[in-house]
Amino acid sequence: MSDSRAPVPESQVPAPVPFDPEIVGPLREARAATPPLETLADVPAFRAAQGAFDAMVSDEVLRRDGAFDVEERTVPGPASAPDVRLLVCRPTSASGPVPALYYTHGGGMVVGDHRLGMPEVLSWAEEVGFAVVSVDYRLAPEHPHPAPVEDGYAGLLWTAENASELGIDPERIAVGGGSAGGGLAAALALLARDRKGPSLFGQMLLCPMLDDRNDSLSMRQMDGLGMWDRPANDVGWAALLGEARGGPDVSPYAAPMRAEDLSGLPPAFLDVGSAEGFRDEVAAYASRLWAAGGRAELHVWEGGFHGYDWTAPEAEISRAARAARMSWLRRLFR
């Protein structure tokens, strides 16, 4: 297989992919409301802006008018590390064990907690009929690799080992997340395989952050455009990996595109926008899963920027993406 990552000279980087016209207005508003993230010094302001959204995700919101029981659990963390907080949301209508999505939130490795993105995830869970366990992993740069993924793995192990108590079917636990959380979900699938841990049922990777090298054609093509552009992505990887980012010794459990072997992994759903920097690494990861004999479903949404479905939830492209995700979840958990 040819190396799709071969660097393209700057003089040969093509014009950017146009955004879907329906989402250009919301994109402009979102960029105006989002503090820049160009260096590690910008992280505190970026976190402060995100904190306003996190505060709106109360237990009452998560219960969805009584559809879910919601509880916080504190469980053992990795060896010699603090305990890990989990948010456990189980359908109240369930009469027996249900499937579960073990969710790793987004935020570029530097922002967010286990409530970020949960209203959307619980909308899927309510319709399909599964539980959600969301992990509050430690954030970089204060806690670089391997802290985030090891926190995620500790919470996953506890969830699998205590599935009966939680009313979860231990044979049907999938991992999933978006952006940085999508990358962490992919890393958890690799860790579970390599450590002979929980046998995962699937992996849902939404616009996942997979490659620390930050030099794909799509990253260069969309540089400075959309949301979570190339400079922001560089900050996220610098926070997680420090001077090691982009070098020869980066762990696949930090950057899953570094994995040499993608065989033996659970069925995957991947989606990404055609007008975002992650496009090429996501498409390449899906291709490598197929090349390894794996099951993977890939959607590349024409004109979508990073996070378009959160920024413009009523746009046609966003509705189509949600429908595709719901379809895959129904087929996975049927």
C-alpha atoms as a PDB file:
ATOM      1  CA  MET A   1       0.000   0.000   0.000  1.00  0.00           C
ATOM      2  CA  SER A   2       1.351   3.415  -0.934  1.00  0.00           C
ATOM      3  CA  ASP A   3       2.058   5.934   1.794  1.00  0.00           C
ATOM      4  CA  SER A   4      -0.903   8.335   1.702  1.00  0.00           C
ATOM      5  CA  ARG A   5       0.915  10.375   4.345  1.00  0.00           C
ATOM      6  CA  ALA A   6       3.794  11.375   2.082  1.00  0.00           C
ATOM      7  CA  PRO A   7       4.286  15.131   2.625  1.00  0.00           C
ATOM      8  CA  VAL A   8       2.974  17.430  -0.080  1.00  0.00           C
ATOM      9  CA  PRO A   9       5.106  20.508  -0.851  1.00  0.00           C
ATOM     10  CA  GLU A  10       3.428  23.707   0.288  1.00  0.00           C
ATOM     11  CA  SER A  11       3.415  24.974  -3.287  1.00  0.00           C
ATOM     12  CA  GLN A  12       1.288  21.970  -4.291  1.00  0.00           C
ATOM     13  CA  VAL A  13      -1.358  22.156  -1.565  1.00  0.00           C
ATOM     14  CA  PRO A  14      -4.665  22.582  -3.411  1.00  0.00           C
ATOM     15  CA  ALA A  15      -7.389  25.099  -2.716  1.00  0.00           C
ATOM     16  CA  PRO A  16      -9.530  24.374   0.370  1.00  0.00           C
ATOM     17  CA  VAL A  17     -12.688  22.322   0.105  1.00  0.00           C
ATOM     18  CA  PRO A  18     -15.752  24.620   0.244  1.00  0.00           C
ATOM     19  CA  PHE A  19     -18.035  24.403   3.252  1.00  0.00           C
ATOM     20  CA  ASP A  20     -21.651  23.347   2.917  1.00  0.00           C
ATOM     21  CA  PRO A  21     -23.435  26.701   2.374  1.00  0.00           C
ATOM     22  CA  GLU A  22     -26.036  25.899   5.046  1.00  0.00           C
ATOM     23  CA  ILE A  23     -23.426  25.750   7.800  1.00  0.00           C
ATOM     24  CA  VAL A  24     -21.257  28.736   6.859  1.00  0.00           C
ATOM     25  CA  GLY A  25     -23.263  31.173   9.027  1.00  0.00           C
ATOM     26  CA  PRO A  26     -23.118  29.016  12.180  1.00  0.00           C
ATOM     27  CA  LEU A  27     -19.409  28.441  11.540  1.00  0.00           C
ATOM     28  CA  ARG A  28     -18.764  32.181  11.395  1.00  0.00           C
ATOM     29  CA  GLU A  29     -20.635  32.681  14.677  1.00  0.00           C
ATOM     30  CA  ALA A  30     -18.835  29.793  16.381  1.00  0.00           C
ATOM     31  CA  ARG A  31     -15.411  31.069  15.365  1.00  0.00           C
ATOM     32  CA  ALA A  32     -16.261  34.522  16.686  1.00  0.00           C
ATOM     33  CA  ALA A  33     -17.327  33.060  20.046  1.00  0.00           C
ATOM     34  CA  THR A  34     -14.364  30.681  20.466  1.00  0.00           C
ATOM     35  CA  PRO A  35     -11.084  31.954  21.930  1.00  0.00           C
ATOM     36  CA  PRO A  36      -8.030  31.224  19.777  1.00  0.00           C
ATOM     37  CA  LEU A  37      -5.935  28.188  20.607  1.00  0.00           C
ATOM     38  CA  GLU A  38      -2.552  28.794  19.042  1.00  0.00           C
ATOM     39  CA  THR A  39      -0.148  28.083  21.918  1.00  0.00           C
ATOM     40  CA  LEU A  40      -0.297  26.279  25.243  1.00  0.00           C
ATOM     41  CA  ALA A  41      -0.670  29.682  26.895  1.00  0.00           C
ATOM     42  CA  ASP A  42      -4.140  29.910  25.333  1.00  0.00           C
ATOM     43  CA  VAL A  43      -5.427  26.787  27.104  1.00  0.00           C
ATOM     44  CA  PRO A  44      -6.812  28.543  30.246  1.00  0.00           C
ATOM     45  CA  ALA A  45      -8.996  30.909  28.208  1.00  0.00           C
ATOM     46  CA  PHE A  46     -10.120  28.040  26.005  1.00  0.00           C
ATOM     47  CA  ARG A  47     -11.129  26.079  29.106  1.00  0.00           C
ATOM     48  CA  ALA A  48     -12.971  29.033  30.605  1.00  0.00           C
ATOM     49  CA  ALA A  49     -15.094  29.364  27.477  1.00  0.00           C
ATOM     50  CA  GLN A  50     -15.915  25.663  27.490  1.00  0.00           C
ATOM     51  CA  GLY A  51     -16.804  25.711  31.173  1.00  0.00           C
ATOM     52  CA  ALA A  52     -19.901  27.774  30.465  1.00  0.00           C
ATOM     53  CA  PHE A  53     -21.268  24.935  28.332  1.00  0.00           C
ATOM     54  CA  ASP A  54     -20.331  22.192  30.806  1.00  0.00           C
ATOM     55  CA  ALA A  55     -22.281  23.968  33.557  1.00  0.00           C
ATOM     56  CA  MET A  56     -25.507  23.542  31.579  1.00  0.00           C
ATOM     57  CA  VAL A  57     -25.323  19.724  31.578  1.00  0.00           C
ATOM     58  CA  SER A  58     -27.005  18.974  34.910  1.00  0.00           C
ATOM     59  CA  ASP A  59     -28.303  15.633  36.147  1.00  0.00           C
ATOM     60  CA  GLU A  60     -31.799  16.891  35.357  1.00  0.00           C
ATOM     61  CA  VAL A  61     -30.825  17.438  31.731  1.00  0.00           C
ATOM     62  CA  LEU A  62     -29.223  14.000  31.570  1.00  0.00           C
ATOM     63  CA  ARG A  63     -32.265  12.236  33.012  1.00  0.00           C
ATOM     64  CA  ARG A  64     -34.238  13.299  29.917  1.00  0.00           C
ATOM     65  CA  ASP A  65     -37.602  13.538  31.694  1.00  0.00           C
ATOM     66  CA  GLY A  66     -37.070  10.280  33.571  1.00  0.00           C
ATOM     67  CA  ALA A  67     -35.714   8.215  30.691  1.00  0.00           C
ATOM     68  CA  PHE A  68     -32.410   7.557  32.499  1.00  0.00           C
ATOM     69  CA  ASP A  69     -31.143   6.870  35.981  1.00  0.00           C
ATOM     70  CA  VAL A  70     -28.037   9.016  36.441  1.00  0.00           C
ATOM     71  CA  GLU A  71     -25.300   8.463  38.988  1.00  0.00           C
ATOM     72  CA  GLU A  72     -21.671   9.374  39.573  1.00  0.00           C
ATOM     73  CA  ARG A  73     -19.244   6.609  40.467  1.00  0.00           C
ATOM     74  CA  THR A  74     -15.672   6.964  41.680  1.00  0.00           C
ATOM     75  CA  VAL A  75     -13.636   3.904  40.729  1.00  0.00           C
ATOM     76  CA  PRO A  76     -10.003   2.813  41.070  1.00  0.00           C
ATOM     77  CA  GLY A  77      -7.683   4.560  38.649  1.00  0.00           C
ATOM     78  CA  PRO A  78      -4.453   3.313  37.114  1.00  0.00           C
ATOM     79  CA  ALA A  79      -1.697   2.070  39.408  1.00  0.00           C
ATOM     80  CA  SER A  80      -0.320   4.874  41.604  1.00  0.00           C
ATOM     81  CA  ALA A  81      -2.803   7.349  40.104  1.00  0.00           C
ATOM     82  CA  PRO A  82      -5.962   9.026  41.419  1.00  0.00           C
ATOM     83  CA  ASP A  83      -9.384   7.423  41.255  1.00  0.00           C
ATOM     84  CA  VAL A  84     -11.460   7.977  38.127  1.00  0.00           C
ATOM     85  CA  ARG A  85     -14.958   9.466  37.982  1.00  0.00           C
ATOM     86  CA  LEU A  86     -17.585   7.830  35.823  1.00  0.00           C
ATOM     87  CA  LEU A  87     -21.023   9.104  34.880  1.00  0.00           C
ATOM     88  CA  VAL A  88     -23.391   6.143  34.553  1.00  0.00           C
ATOM     89  CA  CYS A  89     -26.679   6.645  32.692  1.00  0.00           C
ATOM     90  CA  ARG A  90     -28.981   3.624  32.376  1.00  0.00           C
ATOM     91  CA  PRO A  91     -32.417   3.488  30.719  1.00  0.00           C
ATOM     92  CA  THR A  92     -35.178   3.362  33.332  1.00  0.00           C
ATOM     93  CA  SER A  93     -37.346   1.277  30.996  1.00  0.00           C
ATOM     94  CA  ALA A  94     -34.836  -1.599  30.864  1.00  0.00           C
ATOM     95  CA  SER A  95     -36.031  -4.857  32.409  1.00  0.00           C
ATOM     96  CA  GLY A  96     -32.715  -6.666  32.038  1.00  0.00           C
ATOM     97  CA  PRO A  97     -29.094  -6.111  31.034  1.00  0.00           C
ATOM     98  CA  VAL A  98     -28.656  -3.595  28.226  1.00  0.00           C
ATOM     99  CA  PRO A  99     -25.775  -2.847  25.850  1.00  0.00           C
ATOM    100  CA  ALA A 100     -23.527   0.057  26.760  1.00  0.00           C
ATOM    101  CA  LEU A 101     -21.452   2.727  25.085  1.00  0.00           C
ATOM    102  CA  TYR A 102     -18.339   3.595  27.066  1.00  0.00           C
ATOM    103  CA  TYR A 103     -17.906   7.239  26.117  1.00  0.00           C
ATOM    104  CA  THR A 104     -14.715   9.329  26.006  1.00  0.00           C
ATOM    105  CA  HIS A 105     -15.452  13.043  25.609  1.00  0.00           C
ATOM    106  CA  GLY A 106     -13.812  15.403  23.136  1.00  0.00           C
ATOM    107  CA  GLY A 107     -11.921  18.607  23.836  1.00  0.00           C
ATOM    108  CA  GLY A 108      -8.566  18.301  22.109  1.00  0.00           C
ATOM    109  CA  MET A 109      -7.031  16.525  25.129  1.00  0.00           C
ATOM    110  CA  VAL A 110      -7.016  19.849  27.003  1.00  0.00           C
ATOM    111  CA  VAL A 111     -10.626  20.657  27.927  1.00  0.00           C
ATOM    112  CA  GLY A 112     -13.909  19.058  28.974  1.00  0.00           C
ATOM    113  CA  ASP A 113     -15.196  16.483  31.404  1.00  0.00           C
ATOM    114  CA  HIS A 114     -17.479  13.455  31.428  1.00  0.00           C
ATOM    115  CA  ARG A 115     -20.586  15.610  30.811  1.00  0.00           C
ATOM    116  CA  LEU A 116     -19.327  17.195  27.609  1.00  0.00           C
ATOM    117  CA  GLY A 117     -21.406  15.961  24.668  1.00  0.00           C
ATOM    118  CA  MET A 118     -23.612  13.749  26.800  1.00  0.00           C
ATOM    119  CA  PRO A 119     -27.001  15.266  25.833  1.00  0.00           C
ATOM    120  CA  GLU A 120     -26.415  14.199  22.216  1.00  0.00           C
ATOM    121  CA  VAL A 121     -25.094  10.767  23.201  1.00  0.00           C
ATOM    122  CA  LEU A 122     -28.115  10.138  25.429  1.00  0.00           C
ATOM    123  CA  SER A 123     -30.440  11.032  22.572  1.00  0.00           C
ATOM    124  CA  TRP A 124     -28.952   8.055  20.704  1.00  0.00           C
ATOM    125  CA  ALA A 125     -29.142   5.865  23.797  1.00  0.00           C
ATOM    126  CA  GLU A 126     -32.787   6.671  24.428  1.00  0.00           C
ATOM    127  CA  GLU A 127     -33.811   5.819  20.878  1.00  0.00           C
ATOM    128  CA  VAL A 128     -31.735   2.635  20.532  1.00  0.00           C
ATOM    129  CA  GLY A 129     -31.968   1.426  24.141  1.00  0.00           C
ATOM    130  CA  PHE A 130     -28.488   1.293  25.651  1.00  0.00           C
ATOM    131  CA  ALA A 131     -26.652   2.617  28.692  1.00  0.00           C
ATOM    132  CA  VAL A 132     -23.846   5.176  28.587  1.00  0.00           C
ATOM    133  CA  VAL A 133     -20.824   5.252  30.876  1.00  0.00           C
ATOM    134  CA  SER A 134     -18.783   8.432  30.426  1.00  0.00           C
ATOM    135  CA  VAL A 135     -15.271   8.747  31.833  1.00  0.00           C
ATOM    136  CA  ASP A 136     -13.697  11.871  33.323  1.00  0.00           C
ATOM    137  CA  TYR A 137     -10.085  11.313  32.272  1.00  0.00           C
ATOM    138  CA  ARG A 138      -7.250  13.626  33.318  1.00  0.00           C
ATOM    139  CA  LEU A 139      -6.384  16.416  30.875  1.00  0.00           C
ATOM    140  CA  ALA A 140      -3.121  17.514  29.287  1.00  0.00           C
ATOM    141  CA  PRO A 141      -0.805  19.370  29.580  1.00  0.00           C
ATOM    142  CA  GLU A 142      -0.949  18.898  33.353  1.00  0.00           C
ATOM    143  CA  HIS A 143      -1.380  15.174  32.782  1.00  0.00           C
ATOM    144  CA  PRO A 144       0.319  14.121  29.538  1.00  0.00           C
ATOM    145  CA  HIS A 145       0.236  10.706  27.907  1.00  0.00           C
ATOM    146  CA  PRO A 146      -0.392   8.073  29.135  1.00  0.00           C
ATOM    147  CA  ALA A 147      -2.631   9.589  31.844  1.00  0.00           C
ATOM    148  CA  PRO A 148      -5.759  10.183  29.690  1.00  0.00           C
ATOM    149  CA  VAL A 149      -5.822   6.780  28.022  1.00  0.00           C
ATOM    150  CA  GLU A 150      -4.850   4.914  31.205  1.00  0.00           C
ATOM    151  CA  ASP A 151      -7.696   6.648  33.067  1.00  0.00           C
ATOM    152  CA  GLY A 152     -10.007   5.620  30.251  1.00  0.00           C
ATOM    153  CA  TYR A 153      -8.796   2.029  30.391  1.00  0.00           C
ATOM    154  CA  ALA A 154      -9.145   1.831  34.196  1.00  0.00           C
ATOM    155  CA  GLY A 155     -12.750   3.007  33.912  1.00  0.00           C
ATOM    156  CA  LEU A 156     -13.434   0.567  31.086  1.00  0.00           C
ATOM    157  CA  LEU A 157     -12.067  -2.349  33.117  1.00  0.00           C
ATOM    158  CA  TRP A 158     -14.200  -1.396  36.108  1.00  0.00           C
ATOM    159  CA  THR A 159     -17.288  -1.087  33.908  1.00  0.00           C
ATOM    160  CA  ALA A 160     -16.754  -4.524  32.375  1.00  0.00           C
ATOM    161  CA  GLU A 161     -16.017  -6.137  35.730  1.00  0.00           C
ATOM    162  CA  ASN A 162     -19.080  -4.556  37.368  1.00  0.00           C
ATOM    163  CA  ALA A 163     -21.441  -4.827  34.431  1.00  0.00           C
ATOM    164  CA  SER A 164     -23.963  -7.012  36.272  1.00  0.00           C
ATOM    165  CA  GLU A 165     -24.311  -4.487  39.096  1.00  0.00           C
ATOM    166  CA  LEU A 166     -24.803  -1.711  36.549  1.00  0.00           C
ATOM    167  CA  GLY A 167     -27.424  -3.635  34.585  1.00  0.00           C
ATOM    168  CA  ILE A 168     -25.123  -3.811  31.555  1.00  0.00           C
ATOM    169  CA  ASP A 169     -24.542  -6.769  29.258  1.00  0.00           C
ATOM    170  CA  PRO A 170     -20.767  -7.383  29.580  1.00  0.00           C
ATOM    171  CA  GLU A 171     -20.683  -8.987  26.128  1.00  0.00           C
ATOM    172  CA  ARG A 172     -22.023  -5.852  24.420  1.00  0.00           C
ATOM    173  CA  ILE A 173     -19.868  -2.924  25.516  1.00  0.00           C
ATOM    174  CA  ALA A 174     -18.688  -0.591  22.763  1.00  0.00           C
ATOM    175  CA  VAL A 175     -16.370   2.389  23.030  1.00  0.00           C
ATOM    176  CA  GLY A 176     -16.992   5.716  21.368  1.00  0.00           C
ATOM    177  CA  GLY A 177     -16.240   9.399  21.309  1.00  0.00           C
ATOM    178  CA  GLY A 178     -15.726  12.438  19.140  1.00  0.00           C
ATOM    179  CA  SER A 179     -12.580  14.352  18.199  1.00  0.00           C
ATOM    180  CA  ALA A 180     -10.010  13.737  20.971  1.00  0.00           C
ATOM    181  CA  GLY A 181     -12.528  11.334  22.480  1.00  0.00           C
ATOM    182  CA  GLY A 182     -12.697   9.458  19.184  1.00  0.00           C
ATOM    183  CA  GLY A 183      -8.934   9.081  19.236  1.00  0.00           C
ATOM    184  CA  LEU A 184      -9.070   7.862  22.822  1.00  0.00           C
ATOM    185  CA  ALA A 185     -11.800   5.363  21.927  1.00  0.00           C
ATOM    186  CA  ALA A 186      -9.610   3.989  19.127  1.00  0.00           C
ATOM    187  CA  ALA A 187      -6.687   3.781  21.556  1.00  0.00           C
ATOM    188  CA  LEU A 188      -8.841   1.935  24.104  1.00  0.00           C
ATOM    189  CA  ALA A 189      -9.759  -0.625  21.448  1.00  0.00           C
ATOM    190  CA  LEU A 190      -6.046  -1.168  20.779  1.00  0.00           C
ATOM    191  CA  LEU A 191      -5.250  -1.421  24.497  1.00  0.00           C
ATOM    192  CA  ALA A 192      -8.086  -3.853  25.175  1.00  0.00           C
ATOM    193  CA  ARG A 193      -6.874  -6.063  22.338  1.00  0.00           C
ATOM    194  CA  ASP A 194      -3.204  -5.943  23.298  1.00  0.00           C
ATOM    195  CA  ARG A 195      -3.753  -6.397  27.044  1.00  0.00           C
ATOM    196  CA  LYS A 196      -6.368  -9.074  26.471  1.00  0.00           C
ATOM    197  CA  GLY A 197      -8.845  -6.924  28.346  1.00  0.00           C
ATOM    198  CA  PRO A 198     -12.589  -6.551  27.771  1.00  0.00           C
ATOM    199  CA  SER A 199     -13.805  -7.983  24.477  1.00  0.00           C
ATOM    200  CA  LEU A 200     -15.300  -4.862  22.932  1.00  0.00           C
ATOM    201  CA  PHE A 201     -18.409  -5.013  20.778  1.00  0.00           C
ATOM    202  CA  GLY A 202     -17.694  -1.971  18.617  1.00  0.00           C
ATOM    203  CA  GLN A 203     -15.917   1.368  18.324  1.00  0.00           C
ATOM    204  CA  MET A 204     -17.673   4.593  17.305  1.00  0.00           C
ATOM    205  CA  LEU A 205     -15.070   7.097  16.115  1.00  0.00           C
ATOM    206  CA  LEU A 206     -16.554  10.499  15.265  1.00  0.00           C
ATOM    207  CA  CYS A 207     -14.103  12.897  13.556  1.00  0.00           C
ATOM    208  CA  PRO A 208     -11.385  11.211  15.643  1.00  0.00           C
ATOM    209  CA  MET A 209      -8.032  12.802  16.482  1.00  0.00           C
ATOM    210  CA  LEU A 210      -5.692  10.004  15.406  1.00  0.00           C
ATOM    211  CA  ASP A 211      -2.338  11.314  14.119  1.00  0.00           C
ATOM    212  CA  ASP A 212       0.093  13.516  16.055  1.00  0.00           C
ATOM    213  CA  ARG A 213       2.119  14.344  12.938  1.00  0.00           C
ATOM    214  CA  ASN A 214      -0.450  16.966  11.887  1.00  0.00           C
ATOM    215  CA  ASP A 215       0.886  17.065   8.328  1.00  0.00           C
ATOM    216  CA  SER A 216      -1.723  15.371   6.130  1.00  0.00           C
ATOM    217  CA  LEU A 217      -2.862  17.001   2.921  1.00  0.00           C
ATOM    218  CA  SER A 218      -6.252  17.811   4.431  1.00  0.00           C
ATOM    219  CA  MET A 219      -4.623  19.468   7.468  1.00  0.00           C
ATOM    220  CA  ARG A 220      -2.571  21.652   5.139  1.00  0.00           C
ATOM    221  CA  GLN A 221      -5.471  22.236   2.764  1.00  0.00           C
ATOM    222  CA  MET A 222      -7.817  23.433   5.537  1.00  0.00           C
ATOM    223  CA  ASP A 223      -5.125  25.243   7.561  1.00  0.00           C
ATOM    224  CA  GLY A 224      -6.662  28.198   9.402  1.00  0.00           C
ATOM    225  CA  LEU A 225     -10.211  27.340   8.356  1.00  0.00           C
ATOM    226  CA  GLY A 226     -13.203  25.808  10.103  1.00  0.00           C
ATOM    227  CA  MET A 227     -13.036  24.711  13.718  1.00  0.00           C
ATOM    228  CA  TRP A 228     -10.082  22.961  15.391  1.00  0.00           C
ATOM    229  CA  ASP A 229      -7.631  23.906  12.668  1.00  0.00           C
ATOM    230  CA  ARG A 230      -4.012  22.909  12.281  1.00  0.00           C
ATOM    231  CA  PRO A 231      -2.581  25.314  14.918  1.00  0.00           C
ATOM    232  CA  ALA A 232      -5.157  24.168  17.497  1.00  0.00           C
ATOM    233  CA  ASN A 233      -4.423  20.538  16.667  1.00  0.00           C
ATOM    234  CA  ASP A 234      -0.723  21.176  17.183  1.00  0.00           C
ATOM    235  CA  VAL A 235      -1.480  22.604  20.636  1.00  0.00           C
ATOM    236  CA  GLY A 236      -3.531  19.534  21.537  1.00  0.00           C
ATOM    237  CA  TRP A 237      -0.777  17.131  20.544  1.00  0.00           C
ATOM    238  CA  ALA A 238       1.926  19.287  22.153  1.00  0.00           C
ATOM    239  CA  ALA A 239      -0.048  19.218  25.388  1.00  0.00           C
ATOM    240  CA  LEU A 240      -0.366  15.451  25.271  1.00  0.00           C
ATOM    241  CA  LEU A 241       3.098  14.495  23.995  1.00  0.00           C
ATOM    242  CA  GLY A 242       5.406  17.469  24.523  1.00  0.00           C
ATOM    243  CA  GLU A 243       8.556  17.360  22.425  1.00  0.00           C
ATOM    244  CA  ALA A 244       7.862  13.775  21.383  1.00  0.00           C
ATOM    245  CA  ARG A 245       4.978  14.799  19.071  1.00  0.00           C
ATOM    246  CA  GLY A 246       5.716  14.109  15.450  1.00  0.00           C
ATOM    247  CA  GLY A 247       8.811  12.105  16.337  1.00  0.00           C
ATOM    248  CA  PRO A 248       9.650   8.445  15.768  1.00  0.00           C
ATOM    249  CA  ASP A 249       8.689   7.037  19.167  1.00  0.00           C
ATOM    250  CA  VAL A 250       5.055   8.017  19.680  1.00  0.00           C
ATOM    251  CA  SER A 251       2.874   5.287  21.162  1.00  0.00           C
ATOM    252  CA  PRO A 252      -0.144   4.016  19.226  1.00  0.00           C
ATOM    253  CA  TYR A 253      -2.063   4.315  22.492  1.00  0.00           C
ATOM    254  CA  ALA A 254      -1.530   8.081  22.200  1.00  0.00           C
ATOM    255  CA  ALA A 255      -1.907   8.389  18.418  1.00  0.00           C
ATOM    256  CA  PRO A 256      -3.678   5.324  16.977  1.00  0.00           C
ATOM    257  CA  MET A 257      -2.468   6.020  13.423  1.00  0.00           C
ATOM    258  CA  ARG A 258       0.957   4.957  14.730  1.00  0.00           C
ATOM    259  CA  ALA A 259      -0.279   1.387  15.257  1.00  0.00           C
ATOM    260  CA  GLU A 260       1.381  -1.069  12.883  1.00  0.00           C
ATOM    261  CA  ASP A 261      -1.291  -3.735  13.311  1.00  0.00           C
ATOM    262  CA  LEU A 262      -5.015  -2.953  13.121  1.00  0.00           C
ATOM    263  CA  SER A 263      -6.186  -6.549  12.996  1.00  0.00           C
ATOM    264  CA  GLY A 264      -8.417  -8.101  15.633  1.00  0.00           C
ATOM    265  CA  LEU A 265     -10.279  -4.896  16.469  1.00  0.00           C
ATOM    266  CA  PRO A 266     -14.043  -4.543  16.975  1.00  0.00           C
ATOM    267  CA  PRO A 267     -16.344  -3.253  14.204  1.00  0.00           C
ATOM    268  CA  ALA A 268     -15.860   0.458  13.654  1.00  0.00           C
ATOM    269  CA  PHE A 269     -17.984   3.397  12.611  1.00  0.00           C
ATOM    270  CA  LEU A 270     -16.017   6.432  11.440  1.00  0.00           C
ATOM    271  CA  ASP A 271     -17.265   9.761  10.183  1.00  0.00           C
ATOM    272  CA  VAL A 272     -15.640  13.055   9.289  1.00  0.00           C
ATOM    273  CA  GLY A 273     -16.276  16.167   7.212  1.00  0.00           C
ATOM    274  CA  SER A 274     -14.704  16.624   3.804  1.00  0.00           C
ATOM    275  CA  ALA A 275     -13.786  20.213   4.749  1.00  0.00           C
ATOM    276  CA  GLU A 276     -11.835  19.512   7.945  1.00  0.00           C
ATOM    277  CA  GLY A 277      -8.256  18.714   8.723  1.00  0.00           C
ATOM    278  CA  PHE A 278      -8.945  15.229  10.126  1.00  0.00           C
ATOM    279  CA  ARG A 279     -10.448  14.025   6.815  1.00  0.00           C
ATOM    280  CA  ASP A 280      -7.412  12.206   5.446  1.00  0.00           C
ATOM    281  CA  GLU A 281      -6.280  10.508   8.646  1.00  0.00           C
ATOM    282  CA  VAL A 282      -9.803   9.219   9.319  1.00  0.00           C
ATOM    283  CA  ALA A 283     -10.180   7.881   5.780  1.00  0.00           C
ATOM    284  CA  ALA A 284      -6.726   6.296   5.998  1.00  0.00           C
ATOM    285  CA  TYR A 285      -7.551   4.644   9.323  1.00  0.00           C
ATOM    286  CA  ALA A 286     -10.711   3.130   7.862  1.00  0.00           C
ATOM    287  CA  SER A 287      -8.756   1.871   4.859  1.00  0.00           C
ATOM    288  CA  ARG A 288      -6.174   0.273   7.137  1.00  0.00           C
ATOM    289  CA  LEU A 289      -8.927  -1.442   9.143  1.00  0.00           C
ATOM    290  CA  TRP A 290     -10.294  -2.934   5.913  1.00  0.00           C
ATOM    291  CA  ALA A 291      -6.790  -3.911   4.793  1.00  0.00           C
ATOM    292  CA  ALA A 292      -6.382  -5.791   8.100  1.00  0.00           C
ATOM    293  CA  GLY A 293      -9.593  -7.737   7.444  1.00  0.00           C
ATOM    294  CA  GLY A 294     -11.670  -5.673   9.832  1.00  0.00           C
ATOM    295  CA  ARG A 295     -15.196  -4.307   9.700  1.00  0.00           C
ATOM    296  CA  ALA A 296     -15.515  -0.552   9.276  1.00  0.00           C
ATOM    297  CA  GLU A 297     -18.151   1.856   8.021  1.00  0.00           C
ATOM    298  CA  LEU A 298     -16.864   5.244   6.851  1.00  0.00           C
ATOM    299  CA  HIS A 299     -18.866   8.406   6.132  1.00  0.00           C
ATOM    300  CA  VAL A 300     -17.249  11.553   4.744  1.00  0.00           C
ATOM    301  CA  TRP A 301     -19.818  14.347   4.880  1.00  0.00           C
ATOM    302  CA  GLU A 302     -19.463  16.733   1.970  1.00  0.00           C
ATOM    303  CA  GLY A 303     -18.679  20.273   3.066  1.00  0.00           C
ATOM    304  CA  GLY A 304     -18.615  19.471   6.789  1.00  0.00           C
ATOM    305  CA  PHE A 305     -16.158  21.244   9.092  1.00  0.00           C
ATOM    306  CA  HIS A 306     -14.995  19.839  12.440  1.00  0.00           C
ATOM    307  CA  GLY A 307     -17.969  19.719  14.787  1.00  0.00           C
ATOM    308  CA  TYR A 308     -20.498  20.972  12.231  1.00  0.00           C
ATOM    309  CA  ASP A 309     -23.217  18.751  13.714  1.00  0.00           C
ATOM    310  CA  TRP A 310     -22.892  20.454  17.119  1.00  0.00           C
ATOM    311  CA  THR A 311     -22.544  23.919  15.625  1.00  0.00           C
ATOM    312  CA  ALA A 312     -25.436  23.604  13.164  1.00  0.00           C
ATOM    313  CA  PRO A 313     -27.568  20.723  14.509  1.00  0.00           C
ATOM    314  CA  GLU A 314     -30.579  21.452  12.294  1.00  0.00           C
ATOM    315  CA  ALA A 315     -28.635  21.599   9.023  1.00  0.00           C
ATOM    316  CA  GLU A 316     -29.428  18.854   6.528  1.00  0.00           C
ATOM    317  CA  ILE A 317     -25.877  17.490   6.693  1.00  0.00           C
ATOM    318  CA  SER A 318     -26.143  17.234  10.495  1.00  0.00           C
ATOM    319  CA  ARG A 319     -29.457  15.398  10.338  1.00  0.00           C
ATOM    320  CA  ALA A 320     -28.027  12.983   7.782  1.00  0.00           C
ATOM    321  CA  ALA A 321     -24.991  12.305   9.957  1.00  0.00           C
ATOM    322  CA  ARG A 322     -27.145  11.622  13.017  1.00  0.00           C
ATOM    323  CA  ALA A 323     -29.315   9.225  11.010  1.00  0.00           C
ATOM    324  CA  ALA A 324     -26.245   7.290   9.842  1.00  0.00           C
ATOM    325  CA  ARG A 325     -24.919   7.031  13.401  1.00  0.00           C
ATOM    326  CA  MET A 326     -28.276   5.848  14.692  1.00  0.00           C
ATOM    327  CA  SER A 327     -28.491   3.251  11.943  1.00  0.00           C
ATOM    328  CA  TRP A 328     -25.072   1.845  12.826  1.00  0.00           C
ATOM    329  CA  LEU A 329     -25.868   1.737  16.543  1.00  0.00           C
ATOM    330  CA  ARG A 330     -29.141  -0.083  15.890  1.00  0.00           C
ATOM    331  CA  ARG A 331     -27.380  -2.650  13.721  1.00  0.00           C
ATOM    332  CA  LEU A 332     -24.554  -3.033  16.247  1.00  0.00           C
ATOM    333  CA  PHE A 333     -26.784  -3.545  19.283  1.00  0.00           C
ATOM    334  CA  ARG A 334     -29.726  -5.419  17.694  1.00  0.00           C
END
